[in-house]
Amino acid sequence: MAEFIPKQYKKEPITIRMDFDKLEKLDRLAAEYNISRSELINQCIDYALAHVTEQ
């Protein structure tokens, strides 16, 4: 069995404001994929940052 090695949490807590419809959609998708809302938002941001065209 793999040994558990605790690691420092590397994410910074922030607050954002978004419209209710967007939040509901995020919650539905997070539930569908069985991940937290925070993890889904992080993955969406990672995808957007990897595909943004820099000027």
C-alpha atoms as a PDB file:
ATOM      1  CA  MET A   1       0.000   0.000   0.000  1.00  0.00           C
ATOM      2  CA  ALA A   2       1.253   3.521  -0.819  1.00  0.00           C
ATOM      3  CA  GLU A   3       2.488   5.596   2.073  1.00  0.00           C
ATOM      4  CA  PHE A   4       0.516   8.757   2.884  1.00  0.00           C
ATOM      5  CA  ILE A   5       2.735  11.833   2.959  1.00  0.00           C
ATOM      6  CA  PRO A   6       0.937  15.064   3.913  1.00  0.00           C
ATOM      7  CA  LYS A   7       1.830  18.048   1.739  1.00  0.00           C
ATOM      8  CA  GLN A   8       1.267  21.741   2.209  1.00  0.00           C
ATOM      9  CA  TYR A   9      -1.917  23.046   0.636  1.00  0.00           C
ATOM     10  CA  LYS A  10      -0.821  25.137  -2.351  1.00  0.00           C
ATOM     11  CA  LYS A  11      -4.044  26.922  -3.293  1.00  0.00           C
ATOM     12  CA  GLU A  12      -4.909  30.422  -2.182  1.00  0.00           C
ATOM     13  CA  PRO A  13      -8.489  30.995  -1.020  1.00  0.00           C
ATOM     14  CA  ILE A  14     -10.233  33.814  -2.899  1.00  0.00           C
ATOM     15  CA  THR A  15     -13.706  35.260  -3.238  1.00  0.00           C
ATOM     16  CA  ILE A  16     -15.397  35.871  -6.581  1.00  0.00           C
ATOM     17  CA  ARG A  17     -18.830  37.126  -7.526  1.00  0.00           C
ATOM     18  CA  MET A  18     -20.809  35.556 -10.348  1.00  0.00           C
ATOM     19  CA  ASP A  19     -24.383  35.482 -11.486  1.00  0.00           C
ATOM     20  CA  PHE A  20     -26.653  32.825 -10.040  1.00  0.00           C
ATOM     21  CA  ASP A  21     -27.297  31.017 -13.353  1.00  0.00           C
ATOM     22  CA  LYS A  22     -23.575  30.496 -13.918  1.00  0.00           C
ATOM     23  CA  LEU A  23     -23.165  29.191 -10.364  1.00  0.00           C
ATOM     24  CA  GLU A  24     -26.044  26.733 -10.810  1.00  0.00           C
ATOM     25  CA  LYS A  25     -24.479  25.399 -14.012  1.00  0.00           C
ATOM     26  CA  LEU A  26     -21.105  24.969 -12.282  1.00  0.00           C
ATOM     27  CA  ASP A  27     -22.762  23.092  -9.430  1.00  0.00           C
ATOM     28  CA  ARG A  28     -24.612  20.776 -11.841  1.00  0.00           C
ATOM     29  CA  LEU A  29     -21.395  19.997 -13.728  1.00  0.00           C
ATOM     30  CA  ALA A  30     -19.424  19.446 -10.523  1.00  0.00           C
ATOM     31  CA  ALA A  31     -22.070  17.004  -9.294  1.00  0.00           C
ATOM     32  CA  GLU A  32     -22.135  15.227 -12.663  1.00  0.00           C
ATOM     33  CA  TYR A  33     -18.362  14.681 -12.548  1.00  0.00           C
ATOM     34  CA  ASN A  34     -18.353  14.023  -8.782  1.00  0.00           C
ATOM     35  CA  ILE A  35     -15.837  16.782  -8.025  1.00  0.00           C
ATOM     36  CA  SER A  36     -16.033  19.896  -5.887  1.00  0.00           C
ATOM     37  CA  ARG A  37     -17.118  23.225  -7.302  1.00  0.00           C
ATOM     38  CA  SER A  38     -13.660  24.565  -6.485  1.00  0.00           C
ATOM     39  CA  GLU A  39     -11.927  21.785  -8.421  1.00  0.00           C
ATOM     40  CA  LEU A  40     -14.189  22.321 -11.431  1.00  0.00           C
ATOM     41  CA  ILE A  41     -13.492  26.070 -11.421  1.00  0.00           C
ATOM     42  CA  ASN A  42      -9.747  25.413 -11.163  1.00  0.00           C
ATOM     43  CA  GLN A  43      -9.877  22.997 -14.110  1.00  0.00           C
ATOM     44  CA  CYS A  44     -11.897  25.499 -16.169  1.00  0.00           C
ATOM     45  CA  ILE A  45      -9.352  28.231 -15.425  1.00  0.00           C
ATOM     46  CA  ASP A  46      -6.452  25.890 -16.285  1.00  0.00           C
ATOM     47  CA  TYR A  47      -8.106  25.078 -19.620  1.00  0.00           C
ATOM     48  CA  ALA A  48      -8.771  28.747 -20.402  1.00  0.00           C
ATOM     49  CA  LEU A  49      -5.218  29.775 -19.525  1.00  0.00           C
ATOM     50  CA  ALA A  50      -3.744  26.994 -21.657  1.00  0.00           C
ATOM     51  CA  HIS A  51      -5.838  28.070 -24.659  1.00  0.00           C
ATOM     52  CA  VAL A  52      -5.815  31.863 -24.410  1.00  0.00           C
ATOM     53  CA  THR A  53      -4.152  33.755 -27.232  1.00  0.00           C
ATOM     54  CA  GLU A  54      -1.597  36.153 -25.822  1.00  0.00           C
ATOM     55  CA  GLN A  55      -1.134  39.492 -27.560  1.00  0.00           C
END
